[in-house]
Amino acid sequence: MDFSPVFNKLWSCKAVLSALFTAWRVLENKIATRVNLERCGVLLESSLCCMCGKEEKSHRNLFFACSFAWRVWCFCFKWLGVSFVSHIDPSSNFAQFRLSMFSDSFNDVWSTIWVG
């Protein structure tokens, strides 16, 4: 079976299987977000994100665009002392989650952090 480079990179991460599976579900938009639940006919009071209350709770908002999620990503990058541009598309975000100033082995660890 041929996998895209993103999935080859994902499955080569040294992370616990449950984290890899969750990351795969994020990349495939298979997370039980409010938007996905409504699409399946589950009635909810609101489809807005419970963290920021501004956007629909989709997989993109939950992990990348929500103001709370954005602060977590900013903290991670600040911890490393790097500037960044973040994609809100999960596949693009994961594929571009490399730091050019670091070695391949460090970037393998960094990819695992993304998964975790």
N, C-alpha and C. Protein backbone atom coordinates (compact mmCIF):
# COMPACT_ATOMS: atom_id res chain seq x y z
N MET A 1 0.85 -1.17 0.00
CA MET A 1 0.00 0.00 0.00
C MET A 1 0.90 1.24 0.00
N ASP A 2 0.61 2.19 -0.87
CA ASP A 2 1.36 3.43 -0.93
C ASP A 2 0.73 4.46 0.00
N PHE A 3 1.59 5.09 0.78
CA PHE A 3 1.15 6.16 1.66
C PHE A 3 1.73 7.46 1.14
N SER A 4 1.05 8.55 1.43
CA SER A 4 1.60 9.86 1.08
C SER A 4 2.81 10.11 1.99
N PRO A 5 3.68 11.04 1.60
CA PRO A 5 4.83 11.36 2.46
C PRO A 5 4.42 11.78 3.87
N VAL A 6 3.28 12.44 4.00
CA VAL A 6 2.81 12.86 5.32
C VAL A 6 2.55 11.63 6.19
N PHE A 7 1.90 10.62 5.63
CA PHE A 7 1.59 9.43 6.42
C PHE A 7 2.84 8.58 6.67
N ASN A 8 3.75 8.54 5.71
CA ASN A 8 5.02 7.85 5.95
C ASN A 8 5.76 8.49 7.13
N LYS A 9 5.76 9.82 7.15
CA LYS A 9 6.41 10.56 8.24
C LYS A 9 5.68 10.30 9.56
N LEU A 10 4.35 10.32 9.53
CA LEU A 10 3.57 10.09 10.74
C LEU A 10 3.86 8.72 11.32
N TRP A 11 3.76 7.68 10.51
CA TRP A 11 3.90 6.32 11.03
C TRP A 11 5.34 5.99 11.41
N SER A 12 6.31 6.81 11.00
CA SER A 12 7.69 6.57 11.40
C SER A 12 8.04 7.27 12.72
N CYS A 13 7.12 8.08 13.25
CA CYS A 13 7.36 8.76 14.52
C CYS A 13 7.44 7.73 15.65
N LYS A 14 8.30 8.00 16.57
CA LYS A 14 8.47 7.13 17.73
C LYS A 14 7.56 7.62 18.85
N ALA A 15 6.29 7.31 18.70
CA ALA A 15 5.29 7.71 19.68
C ALA A 15 4.42 6.50 20.00
N VAL A 16 3.69 6.57 21.09
CA VAL A 16 2.80 5.46 21.43
C VAL A 16 1.71 5.35 20.38
N LEU A 17 1.24 4.14 20.18
CA LEU A 17 0.28 3.88 19.12
C LEU A 17 -0.99 4.71 19.26
N SER A 18 -1.45 4.93 20.48
CA SER A 18 -2.68 5.71 20.66
C SER A 18 -2.49 7.16 20.19
N ALA A 19 -1.31 7.73 20.43
CA ALA A 19 -1.04 9.10 19.96
C ALA A 19 -0.94 9.13 18.44
N LEU A 20 -0.30 8.13 17.86
CA LEU A 20 -0.21 8.05 16.39
C LEU A 20 -1.60 7.92 15.78
N PHE A 21 -2.42 7.10 16.39
CA PHE A 21 -3.78 6.89 15.88
C PHE A 21 -4.59 8.18 15.97
N THR A 22 -4.46 8.90 17.08
CA THR A 22 -5.17 10.18 17.23
C THR A 22 -4.67 11.19 16.20
N ALA A 23 -3.35 11.26 15.97
CA ALA A 23 -2.80 12.17 14.96
C ALA A 23 -3.33 11.80 13.58
N TRP A 24 -3.39 10.51 13.28
CA TRP A 24 -3.94 10.06 11.99
C TRP A 24 -5.39 10.51 11.86
N ARG A 25 -6.17 10.37 12.94
CA ARG A 25 -7.57 10.79 12.90
C ARG A 25 -7.69 12.29 12.67
N VAL A 26 -6.79 13.09 13.25
CA VAL A 26 -6.79 14.54 13.02
C VAL A 26 -6.50 14.82 11.54
N LEU A 27 -5.47 14.17 11.01
CA LEU A 27 -5.09 14.39 9.61
C LEU A 27 -6.21 13.99 8.64
N GLU A 28 -6.98 12.97 9.01
CA GLU A 28 -8.06 12.48 8.16
C GLU A 28 -9.43 13.10 8.49
N ASN A 29 -9.47 14.03 9.43
CA ASN A 29 -10.71 14.66 9.90
C ASN A 29 -11.70 13.60 10.39
N LYS A 30 -11.21 12.69 11.20
CA LYS A 30 -12.04 11.63 11.78
C LYS A 30 -12.24 11.83 13.28
N ILE A 31 -12.03 13.06 13.76
CA ILE A 31 -12.20 13.40 15.16
C ILE A 31 -13.67 13.76 15.41
N ALA A 32 -14.19 13.35 16.55
CA ALA A 32 -15.60 13.63 16.88
C ALA A 32 -15.76 15.07 17.34
N THR A 33 -15.58 16.00 16.40
CA THR A 33 -15.79 17.41 16.70
C THR A 33 -17.28 17.73 16.56
N ARG A 34 -17.67 18.88 17.04
CA ARG A 34 -19.08 19.27 16.94
C ARG A 34 -19.55 19.33 15.49
N VAL A 35 -18.69 19.82 14.61
CA VAL A 35 -19.05 19.90 13.19
C VAL A 35 -19.29 18.50 12.62
N ASN A 36 -18.39 17.56 12.93
CA ASN A 36 -18.55 16.20 12.43
C ASN A 36 -19.76 15.50 13.05
N LEU A 37 -20.02 15.75 14.33
CA LEU A 37 -21.18 15.14 14.98
C LEU A 37 -22.48 15.66 14.36
N GLU A 38 -22.54 16.96 14.09
CA GLU A 38 -23.73 17.53 13.45
C GLU A 38 -23.94 16.96 12.06
N ARG A 39 -22.84 16.72 11.35
CA ARG A 39 -22.91 16.14 10.01
C ARG A 39 -23.52 14.73 10.08
N CYS A 40 -23.31 14.04 11.20
CA CYS A 40 -23.86 12.69 11.39
C CYS A 40 -25.25 12.70 11.99
N GLY A 41 -25.81 13.89 12.20
CA GLY A 41 -27.17 14.00 12.71
C GLY A 41 -27.30 14.12 14.22
N VAL A 42 -26.20 14.28 14.92
CA VAL A 42 -26.25 14.45 16.37
C VAL A 42 -26.59 15.92 16.66
N LEU A 43 -27.65 16.14 17.42
CA LEU A 43 -28.08 17.50 17.72
C LEU A 43 -27.31 18.03 18.92
N LEU A 44 -26.77 19.22 18.76
CA LEU A 44 -25.99 19.86 19.82
C LEU A 44 -26.54 21.26 20.06
N GLU A 45 -26.32 21.78 21.27
CA GLU A 45 -26.78 23.13 21.57
C GLU A 45 -26.08 24.16 20.69
N SER A 46 -24.78 23.96 20.49
CA SER A 46 -24.00 24.93 19.72
C SER A 46 -22.86 24.20 19.02
N SER A 47 -22.51 24.69 17.85
CA SER A 47 -21.36 24.11 17.16
C SER A 47 -20.10 24.94 17.37
N LEU A 48 -20.21 25.98 18.22
CA LEU A 48 -19.05 26.84 18.48
C LEU A 48 -18.06 26.14 19.41
N CYS A 49 -16.81 26.46 19.22
CA CYS A 49 -15.72 25.91 20.03
C CYS A 49 -15.94 26.29 21.49
N CYS A 50 -15.81 25.32 22.39
CA CYS A 50 -16.01 25.61 23.81
C CYS A 50 -14.82 26.34 24.42
N MET A 51 -13.68 26.37 23.73
CA MET A 51 -12.50 27.06 24.23
C MET A 51 -12.52 28.55 23.88
N CYS A 52 -12.80 28.86 22.60
CA CYS A 52 -12.75 30.26 22.18
C CYS A 52 -14.14 30.86 21.97
N GLY A 53 -15.14 30.02 21.71
CA GLY A 53 -16.51 30.48 21.50
C GLY A 53 -16.72 31.29 20.25
N LYS A 54 -15.73 31.28 19.33
CA LYS A 54 -15.81 32.12 18.14
C LYS A 54 -16.03 31.34 16.86
N GLU A 55 -15.39 30.21 16.73
CA GLU A 55 -15.43 29.44 15.49
C GLU A 55 -16.19 28.14 15.71
N GLU A 56 -16.63 27.53 14.60
CA GLU A 56 -17.19 26.20 14.69
C GLU A 56 -16.10 25.24 15.13
N LYS A 57 -16.46 24.30 15.96
CA LYS A 57 -15.46 23.36 16.48
C LYS A 57 -15.20 22.27 15.43
N SER A 58 -14.30 22.59 14.52
CA SER A 58 -13.85 21.63 13.51
C SER A 58 -12.48 21.13 13.93
N HIS A 59 -11.96 20.16 13.21
CA HIS A 59 -10.63 19.65 13.55
C HIS A 59 -9.57 20.72 13.33
N ARG A 60 -9.76 21.58 12.35
CA ARG A 60 -8.80 22.67 12.11
C ARG A 60 -8.81 23.67 13.26
N ASN A 61 -10.01 24.05 13.68
CA ASN A 61 -10.10 25.01 14.77
C ASN A 61 -9.58 24.41 16.07
N LEU A 62 -9.99 23.20 16.36
CA LEU A 62 -9.64 22.57 17.63
C LEU A 62 -8.14 22.49 17.86
N PHE A 63 -7.38 22.16 16.82
CA PHE A 63 -5.95 21.94 16.99
C PHE A 63 -5.06 23.08 16.52
N PHE A 64 -5.57 23.99 15.68
CA PHE A 64 -4.68 24.99 15.09
C PHE A 64 -5.19 26.43 15.12
N ALA A 65 -6.47 26.67 14.92
CA ALA A 65 -6.96 28.04 14.77
C ALA A 65 -7.56 28.63 16.04
N CYS A 66 -8.04 27.81 16.93
CA CYS A 66 -8.62 28.29 18.19
C CYS A 66 -7.58 29.13 18.94
N SER A 67 -8.01 30.19 19.58
CA SER A 67 -7.06 31.06 20.28
C SER A 67 -6.31 30.30 21.37
N PHE A 68 -6.96 29.35 22.02
CA PHE A 68 -6.28 28.54 23.04
C PHE A 68 -5.22 27.65 22.40
N ALA A 69 -5.60 26.95 21.32
CA ALA A 69 -4.63 26.08 20.62
C ALA A 69 -3.48 26.91 20.08
N TRP A 70 -3.77 28.09 19.56
CA TRP A 70 -2.73 28.97 19.02
C TRP A 70 -1.73 29.35 20.12
N ARG A 71 -2.21 29.63 21.32
CA ARG A 71 -1.30 29.97 22.43
C ARG A 71 -0.41 28.79 22.79
N VAL A 72 -0.94 27.59 22.73
CA VAL A 72 -0.12 26.40 23.01
C VAL A 72 0.99 26.27 21.97
N TRP A 73 0.65 26.43 20.68
CA TRP A 73 1.67 26.35 19.63
C TRP A 73 2.71 27.45 19.81
N CYS A 74 2.26 28.66 20.12
CA CYS A 74 3.20 29.77 20.33
C CYS A 74 4.14 29.47 21.48
N PHE A 75 3.63 28.90 22.55
CA PHE A 75 4.46 28.54 23.69
C PHE A 75 5.53 27.52 23.29
N CYS A 76 5.13 26.52 22.50
CA CYS A 76 6.09 25.49 22.05
C CYS A 76 7.21 26.12 21.22
N PHE A 77 6.86 26.98 20.29
CA PHE A 77 7.88 27.59 19.46
C PHE A 77 8.72 28.58 20.24
N LYS A 78 8.11 29.31 21.17
CA LYS A 78 8.88 30.24 22.00
C LYS A 78 9.88 29.48 22.85
N TRP A 79 9.48 28.32 23.35
CA TRP A 79 10.34 27.46 24.15
C TRP A 79 11.62 27.11 23.38
N LEU A 80 11.48 26.91 22.07
CA LEU A 80 12.64 26.61 21.23
C LEU A 80 13.34 27.85 20.70
N GLY A 81 12.71 29.00 20.86
CA GLY A 81 13.31 30.24 20.38
C GLY A 81 13.29 30.39 18.88
N VAL A 82 12.21 29.93 18.24
CA VAL A 82 12.12 30.04 16.79
C VAL A 82 10.86 30.81 16.39
N SER A 83 10.94 31.45 15.23
CA SER A 83 9.78 32.10 14.63
C SER A 83 9.11 31.08 13.71
N PHE A 84 7.83 31.25 13.48
CA PHE A 84 7.14 30.25 12.67
C PHE A 84 5.93 30.85 11.97
N VAL A 85 5.48 30.14 10.96
CA VAL A 85 4.22 30.39 10.30
C VAL A 85 3.48 29.07 10.38
N SER A 86 2.28 29.09 10.90
CA SER A 86 1.55 27.85 11.13
C SER A 86 0.40 27.71 10.15
N HIS A 87 0.29 26.53 9.56
CA HIS A 87 -0.85 26.21 8.69
C HIS A 87 -2.01 25.75 9.55
N ILE A 88 -3.24 26.06 9.14
CA ILE A 88 -4.38 25.53 9.88
C ILE A 88 -4.87 24.23 9.28
N ASP A 89 -4.38 23.86 8.10
CA ASP A 89 -4.70 22.56 7.53
C ASP A 89 -3.79 21.53 8.21
N PRO A 90 -4.34 20.50 8.86
CA PRO A 90 -3.52 19.56 9.61
C PRO A 90 -2.42 18.88 8.79
N SER A 91 -2.72 18.43 7.58
CA SER A 91 -1.70 17.76 6.77
C SER A 91 -0.56 18.71 6.42
N SER A 92 -0.90 19.93 6.04
CA SER A 92 0.14 20.92 5.71
C SER A 92 0.94 21.29 6.96
N ASN A 93 0.26 21.42 8.08
CA ASN A 93 0.94 21.76 9.32
C ASN A 93 1.95 20.68 9.68
N PHE A 94 1.53 19.42 9.63
CA PHE A 94 2.42 18.32 9.97
C PHE A 94 3.57 18.20 8.97
N ALA A 95 3.26 18.33 7.68
CA ALA A 95 4.31 18.20 6.66
C ALA A 95 5.35 19.30 6.78
N GLN A 96 4.94 20.50 7.18
CA GLN A 96 5.86 21.63 7.29
C GLN A 96 6.45 21.77 8.69
N PHE A 97 6.17 20.84 9.56
CA PHE A 97 6.61 20.92 10.95
C PHE A 97 8.07 20.48 11.05
N ARG A 98 8.94 21.24 10.43
CA ARG A 98 10.38 20.97 10.44
C ARG A 98 11.08 22.29 10.71
N LEU A 99 12.17 22.20 11.42
CA LEU A 99 12.95 23.39 11.73
C LEU A 99 14.26 23.30 10.97
N SER A 100 14.46 24.19 10.01
CA SER A 100 15.61 24.10 9.11
C SER A 100 16.95 24.21 9.83
N MET A 101 16.95 24.84 10.99
CA MET A 101 18.22 25.02 11.69
C MET A 101 18.65 23.78 12.46
N PHE A 102 17.78 22.77 12.53
CA PHE A 102 18.09 21.58 13.31
C PHE A 102 18.32 20.37 12.42
N SER A 103 18.93 19.35 12.98
CA SER A 103 19.27 18.13 12.26
C SER A 103 18.02 17.29 11.99
N ASP A 104 18.19 16.29 11.10
CA ASP A 104 17.07 15.39 10.82
C ASP A 104 16.64 14.63 12.07
N SER A 105 17.61 14.22 12.89
CA SER A 105 17.24 13.47 14.10
C SER A 105 16.44 14.35 15.07
N PHE A 106 16.81 15.65 15.18
CA PHE A 106 16.03 16.56 16.03
C PHE A 106 14.64 16.73 15.43
N ASN A 107 14.54 16.88 14.12
CA ASN A 107 13.24 17.05 13.49
C ASN A 107 12.38 15.80 13.63
N ASP A 108 12.98 14.62 13.71
CA ASP A 108 12.21 13.41 13.98
C ASP A 108 11.59 13.49 15.36
N VAL A 109 12.35 13.98 16.34
CA VAL A 109 11.82 14.17 17.69
C VAL A 109 10.74 15.24 17.67
N TRP A 110 10.96 16.33 16.94
CA TRP A 110 10.00 17.42 16.84
C TRP A 110 8.69 16.94 16.24
N SER A 111 8.75 16.06 15.22
CA SER A 111 7.54 15.49 14.64
C SER A 111 6.79 14.65 15.67
N THR A 112 7.54 13.96 16.50
CA THR A 112 6.92 13.16 17.55
C THR A 112 6.22 14.06 18.56
N ILE A 113 6.77 15.23 18.82
CA ILE A 113 6.12 16.20 19.70
C ILE A 113 4.79 16.64 19.09
N TRP A 114 4.76 16.86 17.79
CA TRP A 114 3.52 17.22 17.11
C TRP A 114 2.47 16.13 17.32
N VAL A 115 2.88 14.88 17.22
CA VAL A 115 1.97 13.76 17.39
C VAL A 115 1.44 13.69 18.82
N GLY A 116 2.34 13.94 19.78
CA GLY A 116 1.99 13.77 21.20
C GLY A 116 1.11 14.86 21.69
